[in-house]
Amino acid sequence: MGSLEASRDAIIASVLEHSEKNGGFVTRGDLTFMPLPSGRTIRVIDASRGIWNPRDMDATLSVVSSPNGPYADREVDGGLFHYSYRAGSINGDNVKLRRAYELGVPIILLRKWQDGIYIPHAPVYVVDDLVERREFLLALDENARLLVGDIGAHPQRSYVERLVRQRLHQADFRGRVIAAYETRCAVCRIRHGQLLDAAHITPDRDDEGLPYVSNGLSLCKIHHAAFDSDLLGISPQYEIQIAHKLLDEVDGPMPDFHTVGQF
């Protein structure tokens, strides 16, 4: 076993934790110098290629999918994702990705949004090696992984597909919107990614409520709740509007907090 292989789960956890702190995305800089609980800093993305195979790991750690890249990566039914072989022979960088399939170990899928910004999805599993099509099949969810053998006929197929697509698109939407707003609330400007949501301007239940950045607002959880409850609005002129019933309220006294230190 490679010297880093035992740390695979810790690496994935660190990437997801860092993504949450940012508000749902990671930068190439984050992925180049990712800290581990042990204090060690490691690379989680290749410097120039889409498949990252650390020398001291037995299998691929991460793969990059770019919407404008040269490969035909795509989502398919059942919560699955087709990931193209690296160009050239069926071996090379593809060997360790094939090894991830053989070992059943999780990898990280980094969906590129723009230069230097990625939405991470993990744990992702390689569930098939389609040599004749020069593609790997990735399961984006544990349920999809378990059902992959009979995904076409399984009674839960439609449920799994809907659930995985929803999770995937929500994660992509949140990461893109909050990155566009530079990890800050559009109302109060708070900059803690863990406290930020991506709010739909036109609700996602509507036909026009598409998960595009132009239909999103980065809002802290309080202002998101107020926005969804029609207590707060933003005009086409970017003016913040507060409901009269909220302005007419008389606040109670502030609690008498005493500063005893920092944490």
C-alpha atoms as a PDB file:
ATOM      1  CA  MET A   1       0.000   0.000   0.000  1.00  0.00           C
ATOM      2  CA  GLY A   2       1.305   3.485  -0.858  1.00  0.00           C
ATOM      3  CA  SER A   3       2.382   5.555   2.111  1.00  0.00           C
ATOM      4  CA  LEU A   4      -0.485   8.015   1.616  1.00  0.00           C
ATOM      5  CA  GLU A   5      -3.202   5.471   0.831  1.00  0.00           C
ATOM      6  CA  ALA A   6      -4.249   5.129   4.474  1.00  0.00           C
ATOM      7  CA  SER A   7      -4.926   8.887   4.511  1.00  0.00           C
ATOM      8  CA  ARG A   8      -7.385   8.831   1.569  1.00  0.00           C
ATOM      9  CA  ASP A   9     -10.480   9.345   3.723  1.00  0.00           C
ATOM     10  CA  ALA A  10      -8.767  12.130   5.695  1.00  0.00           C
ATOM     11  CA  ILE A  11      -7.760  13.852   2.442  1.00  0.00           C
ATOM     12  CA  ILE A  12     -11.339  13.722   1.139  1.00  0.00           C
ATOM     13  CA  ALA A  13     -12.646  15.065   4.451  1.00  0.00           C
ATOM     14  CA  SER A  14     -10.145  17.943   4.336  1.00  0.00           C
ATOM     15  CA  VAL A  15     -11.200  18.901   0.801  1.00  0.00           C
ATOM     16  CA  LEU A  16     -14.889  18.903   1.741  1.00  0.00           C
ATOM     17  CA  GLU A  17     -14.215  20.862   4.931  1.00  0.00           C
ATOM     18  CA  HIS A  18     -12.215  23.449   3.015  1.00  0.00           C
ATOM     19  CA  SER A  19     -14.979  23.682   0.414  1.00  0.00           C
ATOM     20  CA  GLU A  20     -17.559  24.311   3.125  1.00  0.00           C
ATOM     21  CA  LYS A  21     -15.444  27.083   4.637  1.00  0.00           C
ATOM     22  CA  ASN A  22     -15.263  28.767   1.225  1.00  0.00           C
ATOM     23  CA  GLY A  23     -18.982  28.361   0.621  1.00  0.00           C
ATOM     24  CA  GLY A  24     -19.031  25.290  -1.608  1.00  0.00           C
ATOM     25  CA  PHE A  25     -15.942  25.581  -3.804  1.00  0.00           C
ATOM     26  CA  VAL A  26     -12.173  25.204  -3.701  1.00  0.00           C
ATOM     27  CA  THR A  27      -9.449  27.022  -5.588  1.00  0.00           C
ATOM     28  CA  ARG A  28      -6.441  25.527  -7.325  1.00  0.00           C
ATOM     29  CA  GLY A  29      -4.350  27.083  -4.583  1.00  0.00           C
ATOM     30  CA  ASP A  30      -6.412  25.265  -1.938  1.00  0.00           C
ATOM     31  CA  LEU A  31      -5.944  21.987  -3.802  1.00  0.00           C
ATOM     32  CA  THR A  32      -2.225  22.525  -4.275  1.00  0.00           C
ATOM     33  CA  PHE A  33      -1.540  23.021  -0.578  1.00  0.00           C
ATOM     34  CA  MET A  34      -4.269  21.037   1.205  1.00  0.00           C
ATOM     35  CA  PRO A  35      -3.555  20.627   4.948  1.00  0.00           C
ATOM     36  CA  LEU A  36      -4.171  17.302   6.678  1.00  0.00           C
ATOM     37  CA  PRO A  37      -4.936  16.770  10.384  1.00  0.00           C
ATOM     38  CA  SER A  38      -1.425  15.351  10.744  1.00  0.00           C
ATOM     39  CA  GLY A  39      -0.020  18.746   9.788  1.00  0.00           C
ATOM     40  CA  ARG A  40       1.230  17.528   6.442  1.00  0.00           C
ATOM     41  CA  THR A  41       0.327  19.537   3.335  1.00  0.00           C
ATOM     42  CA  ILE A  42      -0.371  17.642   0.117  1.00  0.00           C
ATOM     43  CA  ARG A  43      -1.396  18.247  -3.484  1.00  0.00           C
ATOM     44  CA  VAL A  44      -4.922  17.119  -4.463  1.00  0.00           C
ATOM     45  CA  ILE A  45      -4.863  18.135  -8.138  1.00  0.00           C
ATOM     46  CA  ASP A  46      -2.395  17.563 -10.943  1.00  0.00           C
ATOM     47  CA  ALA A  47      -0.447  20.585 -12.088  1.00  0.00           C
ATOM     48  CA  SER A  48      -1.604  20.272 -15.701  1.00  0.00           C
ATOM     49  CA  ARG A  49      -3.583  17.056 -16.280  1.00  0.00           C
ATOM     50  CA  GLY A  50      -7.111  15.955 -15.407  1.00  0.00           C
ATOM     51  CA  ILE A  51      -6.199  12.791 -13.499  1.00  0.00           C
ATOM     52  CA  TRP A  52      -4.106  13.100 -10.335  1.00  0.00           C
ATOM     53  CA  ASN A  53      -2.144   9.986  -9.445  1.00  0.00           C
ATOM     54  CA  PRO A  54       0.068  10.672  -6.423  1.00  0.00           C
ATOM     55  CA  ARG A  55       3.227   8.598  -6.562  1.00  0.00           C
ATOM     56  CA  ASP A  56       2.741   7.228  -3.054  1.00  0.00           C
ATOM     57  CA  MET A  57      -0.923   6.226  -3.498  1.00  0.00           C
ATOM     58  CA  ASP A  58      -2.100   2.974  -5.063  1.00  0.00           C
ATOM     59  CA  ALA A  59      -4.940   4.552  -7.039  1.00  0.00           C
ATOM     60  CA  THR A  60      -6.095   7.882  -8.470  1.00  0.00           C
ATOM     61  CA  LEU A  61      -6.978  10.536  -5.892  1.00  0.00           C
ATOM     62  CA  SER A  62      -8.893  13.059  -8.013  1.00  0.00           C
ATOM     63  CA  VAL A  63     -10.194  13.730 -11.507  1.00  0.00           C
ATOM     64  CA  VAL A  64     -11.141  17.043 -13.096  1.00  0.00           C
ATOM     65  CA  SER A  65     -14.128  17.514 -15.398  1.00  0.00           C
ATOM     66  CA  SER A  66     -14.275  20.738 -17.392  1.00  0.00           C
ATOM     67  CA  PRO A  67     -17.428  21.790 -19.265  1.00  0.00           C
ATOM     68  CA  ASN A  68     -15.293  23.300 -22.029  1.00  0.00           C
ATOM     69  CA  GLY A  69     -12.593  20.652 -22.062  1.00  0.00           C
ATOM     70  CA  PRO A  70     -11.650  18.298 -24.899  1.00  0.00           C
ATOM     71  CA  TYR A  71     -13.368  15.289 -23.313  1.00  0.00           C
ATOM     72  CA  ALA A  72     -17.016  14.230 -23.508  1.00  0.00           C
ATOM     73  CA  ASP A  73     -17.616  13.863 -19.755  1.00  0.00           C
ATOM     74  CA  ARG A  74     -21.324  13.784 -18.967  1.00  0.00           C
ATOM     75  CA  GLU A  75     -23.963  12.836 -16.449  1.00  0.00           C
ATOM     76  CA  VAL A  76     -26.144   9.844 -17.284  1.00  0.00           C
ATOM     77  CA  ASP A  77     -29.189   8.199 -15.778  1.00  0.00           C
ATOM     78  CA  GLY A  78     -29.112   6.708 -12.331  1.00  0.00           C
ATOM     79  CA  GLY A  79     -26.749   9.170 -10.642  1.00  0.00           C
ATOM     80  CA  LEU A  80     -23.834   8.091 -12.805  1.00  0.00           C
ATOM     81  CA  PHE A  81     -21.166  10.040 -14.662  1.00  0.00           C
ATOM     82  CA  HIS A  82     -19.140   9.046 -17.723  1.00  0.00           C
ATOM     83  CA  TYR A  83     -15.495  10.108 -17.425  1.00  0.00           C
ATOM     84  CA  SER A  84     -13.321   9.834 -20.519  1.00  0.00           C
ATOM     85  CA  TYR A  85      -9.970   8.082 -20.565  1.00  0.00           C
ATOM     86  CA  ARG A  86      -6.984  10.342 -20.783  1.00  0.00           C
ATOM     87  CA  ALA A  87      -6.023  10.601 -24.471  1.00  0.00           C
ATOM     88  CA  GLY A  88      -3.415   8.182 -25.784  1.00  0.00           C
ATOM     89  CA  SER A  89      -3.246   4.525 -24.838  1.00  0.00           C
ATOM     90  CA  ILE A  90      -5.678   2.811 -22.495  1.00  0.00           C
ATOM     91  CA  ASN A  91      -2.884   2.763 -19.930  1.00  0.00           C
ATOM     92  CA  GLY A  92      -0.771   5.691 -18.736  1.00  0.00           C
ATOM     93  CA  ASP A  93      -2.727   7.852 -16.276  1.00  0.00           C
ATOM     94  CA  ASN A  94      -5.733   5.572 -16.766  1.00  0.00           C
ATOM     95  CA  VAL A  95      -3.985   2.681 -14.976  1.00  0.00           C
ATOM     96  CA  LYS A  96      -4.414   4.107 -11.486  1.00  0.00           C
ATOM     97  CA  LEU A  97      -7.989   5.180 -12.203  1.00  0.00           C
ATOM     98  CA  ARG A  98      -8.651   1.601 -13.256  1.00  0.00           C
ATOM     99  CA  ARG A  99      -7.002   0.535  -9.996  1.00  0.00           C
ATOM    100  CA  ALA A 100      -9.486   2.697  -8.058  1.00  0.00           C
ATOM    101  CA  TYR A 101     -12.202   0.612  -9.717  1.00  0.00           C
ATOM    102  CA  GLU A 102     -10.503  -2.668  -8.803  1.00  0.00           C
ATOM    103  CA  LEU A 103      -9.913  -1.636  -5.184  1.00  0.00           C
ATOM    104  CA  GLY A 104     -13.286   0.076  -4.721  1.00  0.00           C
ATOM    105  CA  VAL A 105     -11.676   3.141  -3.127  1.00  0.00           C
ATOM    106  CA  PRO A 106     -13.296   6.587  -3.237  1.00  0.00           C
ATOM    107  CA  ILE A 107     -11.952   9.437  -5.363  1.00  0.00           C
ATOM    108  CA  ILE A 108     -12.729  13.147  -5.682  1.00  0.00           C
ATOM    109  CA  LEU A 109     -14.498  14.577  -8.725  1.00  0.00           C
ATOM    110  CA  LEU A 110     -13.559  18.246  -9.258  1.00  0.00           C
ATOM    111  CA  ARG A 111     -16.022  19.974 -11.571  1.00  0.00           C
ATOM    112  CA  LYS A 112     -14.351  23.052 -12.987  1.00  0.00           C
ATOM    113  CA  TRP A 113     -16.484  26.169 -13.001  1.00  0.00           C
ATOM    114  CA  GLN A 114     -13.935  28.720 -14.179  1.00  0.00           C
ATOM    115  CA  ASP A 115     -10.164  28.997 -14.219  1.00  0.00           C
ATOM    116  CA  GLY A 116      -8.842  28.063 -10.811  1.00  0.00           C
ATOM    117  CA  ILE A 117     -12.247  27.344  -9.202  1.00  0.00           C
ATOM    118  CA  TYR A 118     -13.718  23.860  -8.728  1.00  0.00           C
ATOM    119  CA  ILE A 119     -16.798  22.311  -7.128  1.00  0.00           C
ATOM    120  CA  PRO A 120     -15.702  19.104  -5.355  1.00  0.00           C
ATOM    121  CA  HIS A 121     -17.868  15.982  -5.165  1.00  0.00           C
ATOM    122  CA  ALA A 122     -16.817  13.116  -2.914  1.00  0.00           C
ATOM    123  CA  PRO A 123     -16.780  10.299  -2.178  1.00  0.00           C
ATOM    124  CA  VAL A 124     -17.172   9.246  -5.821  1.00  0.00           C
ATOM    125  CA  TYR A 125     -16.565   5.659  -6.955  1.00  0.00           C
ATOM    126  CA  VAL A 126     -15.373   4.158 -10.228  1.00  0.00           C
ATOM    127  CA  VAL A 127     -17.960   1.445 -10.866  1.00  0.00           C
ATOM    128  CA  ASP A 128     -17.105   0.296 -14.386  1.00  0.00           C
ATOM    129  CA  ASP A 129     -14.285   0.400 -16.920  1.00  0.00           C
ATOM    130  CA  LEU A 130     -15.777   0.721 -20.405  1.00  0.00           C
ATOM    131  CA  VAL A 131     -12.648  -0.084 -22.382  1.00  0.00           C
ATOM    132  CA  GLU A 132     -14.382  -0.259 -25.755  1.00  0.00           C
ATOM    133  CA  ARG A 133     -15.772   3.257 -25.219  1.00  0.00           C
ATOM    134  CA  ARG A 134     -12.608   4.560 -23.546  1.00  0.00           C
ATOM    135  CA  GLU A 135     -14.606   5.727 -20.541  1.00  0.00           C
ATOM    136  CA  PHE A 136     -14.917   5.065 -16.850  1.00  0.00           C
ATOM    137  CA  LEU A 137     -18.305   5.068 -15.171  1.00  0.00           C
ATOM    138  CA  LEU A 138     -18.422   6.982 -11.895  1.00  0.00           C
ATOM    139  CA  ALA A 139     -21.100   6.709  -9.193  1.00  0.00           C
ATOM    140  CA  LEU A 140     -21.750  10.113  -7.652  1.00  0.00           C
ATOM    141  CA  ASP A 141     -23.574   8.700  -4.646  1.00  0.00           C
ATOM    142  CA  GLU A 142     -23.318   5.596  -2.473  1.00  0.00           C
ATOM    143  CA  ASN A 143     -26.846   4.551  -3.439  1.00  0.00           C
ATOM    144  CA  ALA A 144     -26.045   4.761  -7.141  1.00  0.00           C
ATOM    145  CA  ARG A 145     -22.937   2.687  -6.496  1.00  0.00           C
ATOM    146  CA  LEU A 146     -24.964  -0.053  -4.830  1.00  0.00           C
ATOM    147  CA  LEU A 147     -27.558  -0.121  -7.600  1.00  0.00           C
ATOM    148  CA  VAL A 148     -25.222   0.085 -10.561  1.00  0.00           C
ATOM    149  CA  GLY A 149     -25.377  -3.637 -11.358  1.00  0.00           C
ATOM    150  CA  ASP A 150     -29.100  -3.489 -12.146  1.00  0.00           C
ATOM    151  CA  ILE A 151     -29.738   0.234 -12.337  1.00  0.00           C
ATOM    152  CA  GLY A 152     -31.911  -0.136 -15.420  1.00  0.00           C
ATOM    153  CA  ALA A 153     -34.574  -2.279 -13.745  1.00  0.00           C
ATOM    154  CA  HIS A 154     -34.287  -1.510 -10.038  1.00  0.00           C
ATOM    155  CA  PRO A 155     -37.542  -0.108  -8.578  1.00  0.00           C
ATOM    156  CA  GLN A 156     -35.606   2.660  -6.794  1.00  0.00           C
ATOM    157  CA  ARG A 157     -33.819   3.772  -9.950  1.00  0.00           C
ATOM    158  CA  SER A 158     -35.879   6.918 -10.584  1.00  0.00           C
ATOM    159  CA  TYR A 159     -35.680   7.939  -6.927  1.00  0.00           C
ATOM    160  CA  VAL A 160     -31.900   7.510  -6.824  1.00  0.00           C
ATOM    161  CA  GLU A 161     -31.440   9.409 -10.078  1.00  0.00           C
ATOM    162  CA  ARG A 162     -33.584  12.313  -8.879  1.00  0.00           C
ATOM    163  CA  LEU A 163     -31.869  12.450  -5.488  1.00  0.00           C
ATOM    164  CA  VAL A 164     -28.341  12.374  -6.890  1.00  0.00           C
ATOM    165  CA  ARG A 165     -29.055  14.939  -9.583  1.00  0.00           C
ATOM    166  CA  GLN A 166     -30.604  17.238  -6.977  1.00  0.00           C
ATOM    167  CA  ARG A 167     -27.577  16.952  -4.690  1.00  0.00           C
ATOM    168  CA  LEU A 168     -25.148  17.433  -7.557  1.00  0.00           C
ATOM    169  CA  HIS A 169     -26.901  20.463  -8.984  1.00  0.00           C
ATOM    170  CA  GLN A 170     -27.453  22.063  -5.568  1.00  0.00           C
ATOM    171  CA  ALA A 171     -23.763  21.713  -4.770  1.00  0.00           C
ATOM    172  CA  ASP A 172     -22.755  23.132  -8.164  1.00  0.00           C
ATOM    173  CA  PHE A 173     -25.216  26.032  -7.862  1.00  0.00           C
ATOM    174  CA  ARG A 174     -24.093  26.956  -4.348  1.00  0.00           C
ATOM    175  CA  GLY A 175     -20.393  26.820  -5.181  1.00  0.00           C
ATOM    176  CA  ARG A 176     -20.741  28.886  -8.362  1.00  0.00           C
ATOM    177  CA  VAL A 177     -22.956  31.568  -6.807  1.00  0.00           C
ATOM    178  CA  ILE A 178     -20.914  32.034  -3.649  1.00  0.00           C
ATOM    179  CA  ALA A 179     -17.672  32.104  -5.627  1.00  0.00           C
ATOM    180  CA  ALA A 180     -19.212  34.780  -7.890  1.00  0.00           C
ATOM    181  CA  TYR A 181     -20.026  36.856  -4.795  1.00  0.00           C
ATOM    182  CA  GLU A 182     -16.480  36.338  -3.461  1.00  0.00           C
ATOM    183  CA  THR A 183     -17.754  34.446  -0.403  1.00  0.00           C
ATOM    184  CA  ARG A 184     -19.816  37.202   1.125  1.00  0.00           C
ATOM    185  CA  CYS A 185     -23.489  37.887   1.825  1.00  0.00           C
ATOM    186  CA  ALA A 186     -25.023  40.311  -0.683  1.00  0.00           C
ATOM    187  CA  VAL A 187     -26.853  42.069   2.184  1.00  0.00           C
ATOM    188  CA  CYS A 188     -24.662  42.134   5.287  1.00  0.00           C
ATOM    189  CA  ARG A 189     -21.312  41.264   3.630  1.00  0.00           C
ATOM    190  CA  ILE A 190     -20.438  38.571   6.175  1.00  0.00           C
ATOM    191  CA  ARG A 191     -17.596  36.471   4.751  1.00  0.00           C
ATOM    192  CA  HIS A 192     -17.888  33.106   6.498  1.00  0.00           C
ATOM    193  CA  GLY A 193     -18.650  30.479   3.845  1.00  0.00           C
ATOM    194  CA  GLN A 194     -20.229  28.082   6.357  1.00  0.00           C
ATOM    195  CA  LEU A 195     -22.929  30.693   6.996  1.00  0.00           C
ATOM    196  CA  LEU A 196     -23.735  31.363   3.323  1.00  0.00           C
ATOM    197  CA  ASP A 197     -26.397  29.882   1.063  1.00  0.00           C
ATOM    198  CA  ALA A 198     -27.114  30.303  -2.626  1.00  0.00           C
ATOM    199  CA  ALA A 199     -30.669  31.637  -2.883  1.00  0.00           C
ATOM    200  CA  HIS A 200     -32.720  31.350  -6.078  1.00  0.00           C
ATOM    201  CA  ILE A 201     -34.093  34.718  -7.213  1.00  0.00           C
ATOM    202  CA  THR A 202     -36.788  32.946  -9.201  1.00  0.00           C
ATOM    203  CA  PRO A 203     -37.683  29.892  -7.057  1.00  0.00           C
ATOM    204  CA  ASP A 204     -36.384  26.572  -8.318  1.00  0.00           C
ATOM    205  CA  ARG A 205     -39.925  25.181  -8.240  1.00  0.00           C
ATOM    206  CA  ASP A 206     -40.782  27.534 -11.133  1.00  0.00           C
ATOM    207  CA  ASP A 207     -40.016  26.654 -14.745  1.00  0.00           C
ATOM    208  CA  GLU A 208     -37.725  29.686 -14.984  1.00  0.00           C
ATOM    209  CA  GLY A 209     -35.997  29.005 -11.678  1.00  0.00           C
ATOM    210  CA  LEU A 210     -32.918  27.559 -13.330  1.00  0.00           C
ATOM    211  CA  PRO A 211     -29.672  26.928 -11.401  1.00  0.00           C
ATOM    212  CA  TYR A 212     -27.723  29.684 -13.152  1.00  0.00           C
ATOM    213  CA  VAL A 213     -25.483  32.199 -11.390  1.00  0.00           C
ATOM    214  CA  SER A 214     -27.627  34.985 -12.874  1.00  0.00           C
ATOM    215  CA  ASN A 215     -30.568  33.520 -10.917  1.00  0.00           C
ATOM    216  CA  GLY A 216     -28.677  33.333  -7.645  1.00  0.00           C
ATOM    217  CA  LEU A 217     -27.874  35.462  -4.614  1.00  0.00           C
ATOM    218  CA  SER A 218     -25.258  34.740  -1.986  1.00  0.00           C
ATOM    219  CA  LEU A 219     -27.038  35.275   1.328  1.00  0.00           C
ATOM    220  CA  CYS A 220     -26.221  34.429   4.921  1.00  0.00           C
ATOM    221  CA  LYS A 221     -28.655  32.003   6.496  1.00  0.00           C
ATOM    222  CA  ILE A 222     -30.634  34.723   8.311  1.00  0.00           C
ATOM    223  CA  HIS A 223     -31.053  36.891   5.220  1.00  0.00           C
ATOM    224  CA  HIS A 224     -31.808  33.817   3.104  1.00  0.00           C
ATOM    225  CA  ALA A 225     -34.622  32.886   5.492  1.00  0.00           C
ATOM    226  CA  ALA A 226     -35.899  36.479   5.407  1.00  0.00           C
ATOM    227  CA  PHE A 227     -35.724  36.512   1.586  1.00  0.00           C
ATOM    228  CA  ASP A 228     -37.652  33.241   1.278  1.00  0.00           C
ATOM    229  CA  SER A 229     -40.236  34.507   3.786  1.00  0.00           C
ATOM    230  CA  ASP A 230     -40.785  37.745   1.825  1.00  0.00           C
ATOM    231  CA  LEU A 231     -39.477  39.810   4.734  1.00  0.00           C
ATOM    232  CA  LEU A 232     -36.573  41.049   2.654  1.00  0.00           C
ATOM    233  CA  GLY A 233     -36.276  41.793  -1.031  1.00  0.00           C
ATOM    234  CA  ILE A 234     -33.805  43.263  -3.489  1.00  0.00           C
ATOM    235  CA  SER A 235     -35.102  45.560  -6.218  1.00  0.00           C
ATOM    236  CA  PRO A 236     -33.897  45.534  -9.854  1.00  0.00           C
ATOM    237  CA  GLN A 237     -31.915  48.655  -8.843  1.00  0.00           C
ATOM    238  CA  TYR A 238     -30.121  46.559  -6.170  1.00  0.00           C
ATOM    239  CA  GLU A 239     -31.881  48.310  -3.289  1.00  0.00           C
ATOM    240  CA  ILE A 240     -32.545  46.218  -0.186  1.00  0.00           C
ATOM    241  CA  GLN A 241     -36.202  46.396   0.829  1.00  0.00           C
ATOM    242  CA  ILE A 242     -37.565  45.336   4.221  1.00  0.00           C
ATOM    243  CA  ALA A 243     -41.206  44.372   4.868  1.00  0.00           C
ATOM    244  CA  HIS A 244     -43.176  47.015   6.800  1.00  0.00           C
ATOM    245  CA  LYS A 245     -44.344  44.493   9.374  1.00  0.00           C
ATOM    246  CA  LEU A 246     -40.722  43.848  10.253  1.00  0.00           C
ATOM    247  CA  LEU A 247     -39.797  47.533  10.401  1.00  0.00           C
ATOM    248  CA  ASP A 248     -42.790  48.237  12.639  1.00  0.00           C
ATOM    249  CA  GLU A 249     -41.697  45.729  15.250  1.00  0.00           C
ATOM    250  CA  VAL A 250     -40.164  46.987  18.474  1.00  0.00           C
ATOM    251  CA  ASP A 251     -37.176  44.891  19.401  1.00  0.00           C
ATOM    252  CA  GLY A 252     -36.743  43.682  22.927  1.00  0.00           C
ATOM    253  CA  PRO A 253     -33.702  44.485  25.059  1.00  0.00           C
ATOM    254  CA  MET A 254     -30.376  43.006  24.088  1.00  0.00           C
ATOM    255  CA  PRO A 255     -29.157  40.157  26.322  1.00  0.00           C
ATOM    256  CA  ASP A 256     -26.511  41.217  28.792  1.00  0.00           C
ATOM    257  CA  PHE A 257     -23.580  39.269  27.397  1.00  0.00           C
ATOM    258  CA  HIS A 258     -20.185  39.579  29.021  1.00  0.00           C
ATOM    259  CA  THR A 259     -17.016  39.060  27.031  1.00  0.00           C
ATOM    260  CA  VAL A 260     -14.975  36.406  28.783  1.00  0.00           C
ATOM    261  CA  GLY A 261     -12.514  35.605  26.021  1.00  0.00           C
ATOM    262  CA  GLN A 262     -12.175  34.450  22.477  1.00  0.00           C
ATOM    263  CA  PHE A 263     -12.396  30.990  20.932  1.00  0.00           C
END
